[in-house]
């Protein structure tokens, strides 16, 4: 799966777009696959094991809920919570 990350999450992946092993499932499972491949991403996306509510996700360009279906060949975009105010 191709995953594009934004903001400070790029520091965890080292690149804007990365490839992650993912066989399909939910968007939440795809984000977990990202964290498995790039463990430093976890602190940017999760709080006490729960996906931050302000994380914005899209599959193939459409905004989605974390529980939405996500095919293995989809393109996932991950916008972490913004810092500051």
PDB file of N, CA and C in Angstrom:
ATOM      1  N   UNK A   1       0.846  -1.174   0.000  1.00  0.00           N
ATOM      2  CA  UNK A   1       0.000   0.000   0.000  1.00  0.00           C
ATOM      3  C   UNK A   1       0.888   1.233   0.000  1.00  0.00           C
ATOM      4  N   UNK A   2       0.482   2.231  -0.762  1.00  0.00           N
ATOM      5  CA  UNK A   2       1.198   3.496  -0.772  1.00  0.00           C
ATOM      6  C   UNK A   2       0.546   4.435   0.244  1.00  0.00           C
ATOM      7  N   UNK A   3       1.373   5.007   1.111  1.00  0.00           N
ATOM      8  CA  UNK A   3       0.886   5.906   2.157  1.00  0.00           C
ATOM      9  C   UNK A   3       1.612   7.236   2.033  1.00  0.00           C
ATOM     10  N   UNK A   4       0.848   8.315   1.974  1.00  0.00           N
ATOM     11  CA  UNK A   4       1.409   9.656   1.955  1.00  0.00           C
ATOM     12  C   UNK A   4       1.152  10.278   3.319  1.00  0.00           C
ATOM     13  N   UNK A   5       2.207  10.811   3.914  1.00  0.00           N
ATOM     14  CA  UNK A   5       2.087  11.408   5.243  1.00  0.00           C
ATOM     15  C   UNK A   5       2.363  12.900   5.161  1.00  0.00           C
ATOM     16  N   UNK A   6       1.797  13.630   6.100  1.00  0.00           N
ATOM     17  CA  UNK A   6       1.910  15.078   6.107  1.00  0.00           C
ATOM     18  C   UNK A   6       2.421  15.570   7.454  1.00  0.00           C
ATOM     19  N   UNK A   7       2.847  16.833   7.451  1.00  0.00           N
ATOM     20  CA  UNK A   7       3.273  17.485   8.679  1.00  0.00           C
ATOM     21  C   UNK A   7       4.463  16.811   9.327  1.00  0.00           C
ATOM     22  N   UNK A   8       4.492  16.865  10.638  1.00  0.00           N
ATOM     23  CA  UNK A   8       5.619  16.338  11.404  1.00  0.00           C
ATOM     24  C   UNK A   8       5.727  14.810  11.330  1.00  0.00           C
ATOM     25  N   UNK A   9       4.740  14.146  10.762  1.00  0.00           N
ATOM     26  CA  UNK A   9       4.791  12.691  10.598  1.00  0.00           C
ATOM     27  C   UNK A   9       5.908  12.285   9.628  1.00  0.00           C
ATOM     28  N   UNK A  10       6.286  13.187   8.743  1.00  0.00           N
ATOM     29  CA  UNK A  10       7.374  12.888   7.799  1.00  0.00           C
ATOM     30  C   UNK A  10       8.688  12.612   8.515  1.00  0.00           C
ATOM     31  N   UNK A  11       8.876  13.199   9.675  1.00  0.00           N
ATOM     32  CA  UNK A  11      10.089  12.934  10.446  1.00  0.00           C
ATOM     33  C   UNK A  11      10.167  11.480  10.899  1.00  0.00           C
ATOM     34  N   UNK A  12       9.026  10.839  11.048  1.00  0.00           N
ATOM     35  CA  UNK A  12       8.987   9.440  11.481  1.00  0.00           C
ATOM     36  C   UNK A  12       9.206   8.482  10.315  1.00  0.00           C
ATOM     37  N   UNK A  13       8.802   8.894   9.109  1.00  0.00           N
ATOM     38  CA  UNK A  13       8.929   8.006   7.950  1.00  0.00           C
ATOM     39  C   UNK A  13      10.160   8.322   7.107  1.00  0.00           C
ATOM     40  N   UNK A  14      10.647   9.553   7.198  1.00  0.00           N
ATOM     41  CA  UNK A  14      11.793   9.959   6.410  1.00  0.00           C
ATOM     42  C   UNK A  14      11.448  10.378   4.989  1.00  0.00           C
ATOM     43  N   UNK A  15      10.221  10.152   4.566  1.00  0.00           N
ATOM     44  CA  UNK A  15       9.780  10.505   3.221  1.00  0.00           C
ATOM     45  C   UNK A  15       8.305  10.885   3.244  1.00  0.00           C
ATOM     46  N   UNK A  16       7.884  11.605   2.212  1.00  0.00           N
ATOM     47  CA  UNK A  16       6.478  11.988   2.125  1.00  0.00           C
ATOM     48  C   UNK A  16       5.602  10.786   1.761  1.00  0.00           C
ATOM     49  N   UNK A  17       6.079   9.937   0.866  1.00  0.00           N
ATOM     50  CA  UNK A  17       5.320   8.768   0.433  1.00  0.00           C
ATOM     51  C   UNK A  17       6.136   7.513   0.693  1.00  0.00           C
ATOM     52  N   UNK A  18       5.504   6.552   1.369  1.00  0.00           N
ATOM     53  CA  UNK A  18       6.171   5.295   1.702  1.00  0.00           C
ATOM     54  C   UNK A  18       5.288   4.127   1.291  1.00  0.00           C
ATOM     55  N   UNK A  19       5.888   2.962   1.189  1.00  0.00           N
ATOM     56  CA  UNK A  19       5.149   1.744   0.879  1.00  0.00           C
ATOM     57  C   UNK A  19       5.081   0.895   2.142  1.00  0.00           C
ATOM     58  N   UNK A  20       3.883   0.394   2.448  1.00  0.00           N
ATOM     59  CA  UNK A  20       3.635  -0.386   3.664  1.00  0.00           C
ATOM     60  C   UNK A  20       2.987  -1.710   3.264  1.00  0.00           C
ATOM     61  N   UNK A  21       3.399  -2.797   3.891  1.00  0.00           N
ATOM     62  CA  UNK A  21       2.754  -4.090   3.669  1.00  0.00           C
ATOM     63  C   UNK A  21       1.380  -4.079   4.324  1.00  0.00           C
ATOM     64  N   UNK A  22       0.337  -4.285   3.523  1.00  0.00           N
ATOM     65  CA  UNK A  22      -1.029  -4.274   4.021  1.00  0.00           C
ATOM     66  C   UNK A  22      -1.876  -5.123   3.090  1.00  0.00           C
ATOM     67  N   UNK A  23      -2.583  -6.087   3.647  1.00  0.00           N
ATOM     68  CA  UNK A  23      -3.379  -7.018   2.852  1.00  0.00           C
ATOM     69  C   UNK A  23      -4.844  -6.619   2.723  1.00  0.00           C
ATOM     70  N   UNK A  24      -5.198  -5.437   3.200  1.00  0.00           N
ATOM     71  CA  UNK A  24      -6.581  -4.987   3.175  1.00  0.00           C
ATOM     72  C   UNK A  24      -7.232  -5.167   4.533  1.00  0.00           C
ATOM     73  N   UNK A  25      -8.276  -4.410   4.774  1.00  0.00           N
ATOM     74  CA  UNK A  25      -8.983  -4.431   6.055  1.00  0.00           C
ATOM     75  C   UNK A  25      -9.621  -3.080   6.269  1.00  0.00           C
ATOM     76  N   UNK A  26      -9.491  -2.544   7.474  1.00  0.00           N
ATOM     77  CA  UNK A  26     -10.028  -1.221   7.770  1.00  0.00           C
ATOM     78  C   UNK A  26      -8.930  -0.173   7.644  1.00  0.00           C
ATOM     79  N   UNK A  27      -9.333   1.069   7.584  1.00  0.00           N
ATOM     80  CA  UNK A  27      -8.371   2.163   7.552  1.00  0.00           C
ATOM     81  C   UNK A  27      -7.540   2.148   8.832  1.00  0.00           C
ATOM     82  N   UNK A  28      -8.176   1.875   9.961  1.00  0.00           N
ATOM     83  CA  UNK A  28      -7.447   1.803  11.234  1.00  0.00           C
ATOM     84  C   UNK A  28      -6.349   0.738  11.158  1.00  0.00           C
ATOM     85  N   UNK A  29      -6.646  -0.396  10.551  1.00  0.00           N
ATOM     86  CA  UNK A  29      -5.643  -1.463  10.402  1.00  0.00           C
ATOM     87  C   UNK A  29      -4.516  -1.019   9.463  1.00  0.00           C
ATOM     88  N   UNK A  30      -4.848  -0.227   8.453  1.00  0.00           N
ATOM     89  CA  UNK A  30      -3.815   0.304   7.557  1.00  0.00           C
ATOM     90  C   UNK A  30      -2.895   1.263   8.314  1.00  0.00           C
ATOM     91  N   UNK A  31      -3.471   2.099   9.179  1.00  0.00           N
ATOM     92  CA  UNK A  31      -2.658   3.004   9.992  1.00  0.00           C
ATOM     93  C   UNK A  31      -1.780   2.189  10.947  1.00  0.00           C
ATOM     94  N   UNK A  32      -2.313   1.113  11.492  1.00  0.00           N
ATOM     95  CA  UNK A  32      -1.510   0.241  12.364  1.00  0.00           C
ATOM     96  C   UNK A  32      -0.355  -0.386  11.589  1.00  0.00           C
ATOM     97  N   UNK A  33      -0.588  -0.739  10.325  1.00  0.00           N
ATOM     98  CA  UNK A  33       0.483  -1.284   9.481  1.00  0.00           C
ATOM     99  C   UNK A  33       1.564  -0.228   9.251  1.00  0.00           C
ATOM    100  N   UNK A  34       1.156   1.038   9.098  1.00  0.00           N
ATOM    101  CA  UNK A  34       2.117   2.127   8.971  1.00  0.00           C
ATOM    102  C   UNK A  34       2.979   2.222  10.224  1.00  0.00           C
ATOM    103  N   UNK A  35       2.336   2.160  11.382  1.00  0.00           N
ATOM    104  CA  UNK A  35       3.061   2.255  12.651  1.00  0.00           C
ATOM    105  C   UNK A  35       3.987   1.042  12.845  1.00  0.00           C
ATOM    106  N   UNK A  36       3.531  -0.115  12.406  1.00  0.00           N
ATOM    107  CA  UNK A  36       4.382  -1.301  12.507  1.00  0.00           C
ATOM    108  C   UNK A  36       5.646  -1.126  11.664  1.00  0.00           C
ATOM    109  N   UNK A  37       5.500  -0.548  10.479  1.00  0.00           N
ATOM    110  CA  UNK A  37       6.646  -0.330   9.596  1.00  0.00           C
ATOM    111  C   UNK A  37       7.514   0.840  10.058  1.00  0.00           C
ATOM    112  N   UNK A  38       6.891   1.832  10.675  1.00  0.00           N
ATOM    113  CA  UNK A  38       7.581   3.041  11.128  1.00  0.00           C
ATOM    114  C   UNK A  38       7.178   3.325  12.574  1.00  0.00           C
ATOM    115  N   UNK A  39       7.772   2.622  13.531  1.00  0.00           N
ATOM    116  CA  UNK A  39       7.353   2.736  14.937  1.00  0.00           C
ATOM    117  C   UNK A  39       7.374   4.157  15.495  1.00  0.00           C
ATOM    118  N   UNK A  40       8.236   5.014  14.991  1.00  0.00           N
ATOM    119  CA  UNK A  40       8.277   6.396  15.498  1.00  0.00           C
ATOM    120  C   UNK A  40       7.001   7.169  15.157  1.00  0.00           C
ATOM    121  N   UNK A  41       6.213   6.665  14.208  1.00  0.00           N
ATOM    122  CA  UNK A  41       4.963   7.338  13.827  1.00  0.00           C
ATOM    123  C   UNK A  41       3.900   7.216  14.918  1.00  0.00           C
ATOM    124  N   UNK A  42       4.017   6.210  15.764  1.00  0.00           N
ATOM    125  CA  UNK A  42       2.979   5.964  16.767  1.00  0.00           C
ATOM    126  C   UNK A  42       2.711   7.170  17.654  1.00  0.00           C
ATOM    127  N   UNK A  43       3.745   7.816  18.116  1.00  0.00           N
ATOM    128  CA  UNK A  43       3.557   8.957  19.032  1.00  0.00           C
ATOM    129  C   UNK A  43       2.864  10.133  18.356  1.00  0.00           C
ATOM    130  N   UNK A  44       2.878  10.175  17.030  1.00  0.00           N
ATOM    131  CA  UNK A  44       2.219  11.255  16.292  1.00  0.00           C
ATOM    132  C   UNK A  44       0.748  10.952  16.011  1.00  0.00           C
ATOM    133  N   UNK A  45       0.355   9.680  16.142  1.00  0.00           N
ATOM    134  CA  UNK A  45      -0.987   9.269  15.725  1.00  0.00           C
ATOM    135  C   UNK A  45      -1.855   8.699  16.835  1.00  0.00           C
ATOM    136  N   UNK A  46      -1.226   8.143  17.866  1.00  0.00           N
ATOM    137  CA  UNK A  46      -1.960   7.443  18.919  1.00  0.00           C
ATOM    138  C   UNK A  46      -1.710   8.076  20.281  1.00  0.00           C
ATOM    139  N   UNK A  47      -2.708   7.996  21.143  1.00  0.00           N
ATOM    140  CA  UNK A  47      -2.598   8.436  22.530  1.00  0.00           C
ATOM    141  C   UNK A  47      -3.166   7.327  23.396  1.00  0.00           C
ATOM    142  N   UNK A  48      -2.338   6.754  24.247  1.00  0.00           N
ATOM    143  CA  UNK A  48      -2.741   5.630  25.102  1.00  0.00           C
ATOM    144  C   UNK A  48      -3.379   4.498  24.295  1.00  0.00           C
ATOM    145  N   UNK A  49      -2.790   4.201  23.135  1.00  0.00           N
ATOM    146  CA  UNK A  49      -3.257   3.091  22.313  1.00  0.00           C
ATOM    147  C   UNK A  49      -4.443   3.394  21.419  1.00  0.00           C
ATOM    148  N   UNK A  50      -5.014   4.593  21.533  1.00  0.00           N
ATOM    149  CA  UNK A  50      -6.176   4.965  20.716  1.00  0.00           C
ATOM    150  C   UNK A  50      -5.752   5.969  19.647  1.00  0.00           C
ATOM    151  N   UNK A  51      -6.285   5.796  18.446  1.00  0.00           N
ATOM    152  CA  UNK A  51      -6.007   6.733  17.364  1.00  0.00           C
ATOM    153  C   UNK A  51      -6.550   8.107  17.760  1.00  0.00           C
ATOM    154  N   UNK A  52      -5.702   9.125  17.665  1.00  0.00           N
ATOM    155  CA  UNK A  52      -6.122  10.492  17.999  1.00  0.00           C
ATOM    156  C   UNK A  52      -7.343  10.878  17.163  1.00  0.00           C
ATOM    157  N   UNK A  53      -8.332  11.480  17.787  1.00  0.00           N
ATOM    158  CA  UNK A  53      -9.565  11.835  17.074  1.00  0.00           C
ATOM    159  C   UNK A  53      -9.336  12.903  16.014  1.00  0.00           C
ATOM    160  N   UNK A  54      -8.258  13.677  16.137  1.00  0.00           N
ATOM    161  CA  UNK A  54      -8.011  14.739  15.164  1.00  0.00           C
ATOM    162  C   UNK A  54      -7.136  14.297  13.986  1.00  0.00           C
ATOM    163  N   UNK A  55      -6.761  13.016  13.930  1.00  0.00           N
ATOM    164  CA  UNK A  55      -6.049  12.493  12.771  1.00  0.00           C
ATOM    165  C   UNK A  55      -7.028  12.461  11.604  1.00  0.00           C
ATOM    166  N   UNK A  56      -6.621  13.005  10.469  1.00  0.00           N
ATOM    167  CA  UNK A  56      -7.464  13.020   9.277  1.00  0.00           C
ATOM    168  C   UNK A  56      -6.916  12.008   8.276  1.00  0.00           C
ATOM    169  N   UNK A  57      -7.808  11.182   7.744  1.00  0.00           N
ATOM    170  CA  UNK A  57      -7.432  10.083   6.869  1.00  0.00           C
ATOM    171  C   UNK A  57      -8.211  10.159   5.570  1.00  0.00           C
ATOM    172  N   UNK A  58      -7.561   9.797   4.476  1.00  0.00           N
ATOM    173  CA  UNK A  58      -8.277   9.689   3.209  1.00  0.00           C
ATOM    174  C   UNK A  58      -7.772   8.474   2.445  1.00  0.00           C
ATOM    175  N   UNK A  59      -8.680   7.853   1.725  1.00  0.00           N
ATOM    176  CA  UNK A  59      -8.372   6.700   0.886  1.00  0.00           C
ATOM    177  C   UNK A  59      -8.725   7.080  -0.544  1.00  0.00           C
ATOM    178  N   UNK A  60      -7.741   6.969  -1.412  1.00  0.00           N
ATOM    179  CA  UNK A  60      -7.921   7.326  -2.818  1.00  0.00           C
ATOM    180  C   UNK A  60      -8.536   8.718  -2.967  1.00  0.00           C
ATOM    181  N   UNK A  61      -8.119   9.649  -2.106  1.00  0.00           N
ATOM    182  CA  UNK A  61      -8.538  11.036  -2.195  1.00  0.00           C
ATOM    183  C   UNK A  61      -9.824  11.401  -1.493  1.00  0.00           C
ATOM    184  N   UNK A  62     -10.528  10.435  -0.921  1.00  0.00           N
ATOM    185  CA  UNK A  62     -11.792  10.708  -0.233  1.00  0.00           C
ATOM    186  C   UNK A  62     -11.617  10.567   1.277  1.00  0.00           C
ATOM    187  N   UNK A  63     -12.094  11.546   2.032  1.00  0.00           N
ATOM    188  CA  UNK A  63     -12.025  11.479   3.491  1.00  0.00           C
ATOM    189  C   UNK A  63     -12.796  10.264   3.991  1.00  0.00           C
ATOM    190  N   UNK A  64     -12.213   9.562   4.971  1.00  0.00           N
ATOM    191  CA  UNK A  64     -12.828   8.343   5.486  1.00  0.00           C
ATOM    192  C   UNK A  64     -12.738   8.281   6.998  1.00  0.00           C
ATOM    193  N   UNK A  65     -13.601   7.473   7.560  1.00  0.00           N
ATOM    194  CA  UNK A  65     -13.608   7.143   8.972  1.00  0.00           C
ATOM    195  C   UNK A  65     -12.595   6.013   9.192  1.00  0.00           C
ATOM    196  N   UNK A  66     -11.967   5.933  10.368  1.00  0.00           N
ATOM    197  CA  UNK A  66     -11.011   4.849  10.623  1.00  0.00           C
ATOM    198  C   UNK A  66     -11.593   3.449  10.470  1.00  0.00           C
ATOM    199  N   UNK A  67     -12.897   3.287  10.618  1.00  0.00           N
ATOM    200  CA  UNK A  67     -13.494   1.954  10.515  1.00  0.00           C
ATOM    201  C   UNK A  67     -13.926   1.603   9.092  1.00  0.00           C
ATOM    202  N   UNK A  68     -13.705   2.505   8.151  1.00  0.00           N
ATOM    203  CA  UNK A  68     -14.077   2.250   6.752  1.00  0.00           C
ATOM    204  C   UNK A  68     -13.194   1.156   6.158  1.00  0.00           C
ATOM    205  N   UNK A  69     -13.726   0.490   5.143  1.00  0.00           N
ATOM    206  CA  UNK A  69     -12.946  -0.516   4.430  1.00  0.00           C
ATOM    207  C   UNK A  69     -11.799   0.146   3.692  1.00  0.00           C
ATOM    208  N   UNK A  70     -10.697  -0.592   3.617  1.00  0.00           N
ATOM    209  CA  UNK A  70      -9.511  -0.089   2.930  1.00  0.00           C
ATOM    210  C   UNK A  70      -8.877  -1.234   2.148  1.00  0.00           C
ATOM    211  N   UNK A  71      -8.980  -1.219   0.827  1.00  0.00           N
ATOM    212  CA  UNK A  71      -8.365  -2.288   0.040  1.00  0.00           C
ATOM    213  C   UNK A  71      -6.840  -2.191   0.063  1.00  0.00           C
ATOM    214  N   UNK A  72      -6.188  -3.305  -0.180  1.00  0.00           N
ATOM    215  CA  UNK A  72      -4.727  -3.371  -0.145  1.00  0.00           C
ATOM    216  C   UNK A  72      -4.075  -2.475  -1.192  1.00  0.00           C
ATOM    217  N   UNK A  73      -4.764  -2.233  -2.295  1.00  0.00           N
ATOM    218  CA  UNK A  73      -4.175  -1.441  -3.373  1.00  0.00           C
ATOM    219  C   UNK A  73      -4.564   0.037  -3.313  1.00  0.00           C
ATOM    220  N   UNK A  74      -5.167   0.461  -2.223  1.00  0.00           N
ATOM    221  CA  UNK A  74      -5.590   1.856  -2.069  1.00  0.00           C
ATOM    222  C   UNK A  74      -4.387   2.752  -1.781  1.00  0.00           C
ATOM    223  N   UNK A  75      -4.599   4.045  -1.970  1.00  0.00           N
ATOM    224  CA  UNK A  75      -3.622   5.044  -1.575  1.00  0.00           C
ATOM    225  C   UNK A  75      -4.174   5.739  -0.329  1.00  0.00           C
ATOM    226  N   UNK A  76      -3.438   5.640   0.754  1.00  0.00           N
ATOM    227  CA  UNK A  76      -3.851   6.222   2.035  1.00  0.00           C
ATOM    228  C   UNK A  76      -3.076   7.511   2.287  1.00  0.00           C
ATOM    229  N   UNK A  77      -3.778   8.538   2.730  1.00  0.00           N
ATOM    230  CA  UNK A  77      -3.145   9.794   3.159  1.00  0.00           C
ATOM    231  C   UNK A  77      -3.434   9.981   4.632  1.00  0.00           C
ATOM    232  N   UNK A  78      -2.395  10.375   5.382  1.00  0.00           N
ATOM    233  CA  UNK A  78      -2.513  10.526   6.826  1.00  0.00           C
ATOM    234  C   UNK A  78      -2.065  11.923   7.223  1.00  0.00           C
ATOM    235  N   UNK A  79      -2.992  12.680   7.812  1.00  0.00           N
ATOM    236  CA  UNK A  79      -2.727  14.016   8.320  1.00  0.00           C
ATOM    237  C   UNK A  79      -2.757  13.937   9.847  1.00  0.00           C
ATOM    238  N   UNK A  80      -1.602  14.028  10.490  1.00  0.00           N
ATOM    239  CA  UNK A  80      -1.583  13.940  11.946  1.00  0.00           C
ATOM    240  C   UNK A  80      -2.182  15.185  12.591  1.00  0.00           C
ATOM    241  N   UNK A  81      -2.462  15.129  13.891  1.00  0.00           N
ATOM    242  CA  UNK A  81      -2.954  16.322  14.583  1.00  0.00           C
ATOM    243  C   UNK A  81      -1.950  17.458  14.423  1.00  0.00           C
ATOM    244  N   UNK A  82      -2.455  18.659  14.256  1.00  0.00           N
ATOM    245  CA  UNK A  82      -1.577  19.817  14.124  1.00  0.00           C
ATOM    246  C   UNK A  82      -1.191  20.311  15.507  1.00  0.00           C
ATOM    247  N   UNK A  83       0.040  20.772  15.612  1.00  0.00           N
ATOM    248  CA  UNK A  83       0.503  21.300  16.881  1.00  0.00           C
ATOM    249  C   UNK A  83       0.329  22.806  16.894  1.00  0.00           C
ATOM    250  N   UNK A  84       0.241  23.364  18.062  1.00  0.00           N
ATOM    251  CA  UNK A  84       0.103  24.797  18.178  1.00  0.00           C
ATOM    252  C   UNK A  84      -1.336  25.243  18.152  1.00  0.00           C
ATOM    253  N   UNK A  85      -1.573  26.522  17.981  1.00  0.00           N
ATOM    254  CA  UNK A  85      -2.943  26.982  18.001  1.00  0.00           C
ATOM    255  C   UNK A  85      -3.186  28.252  17.329  1.00  0.00           C
TER     256      UNK A  85
END
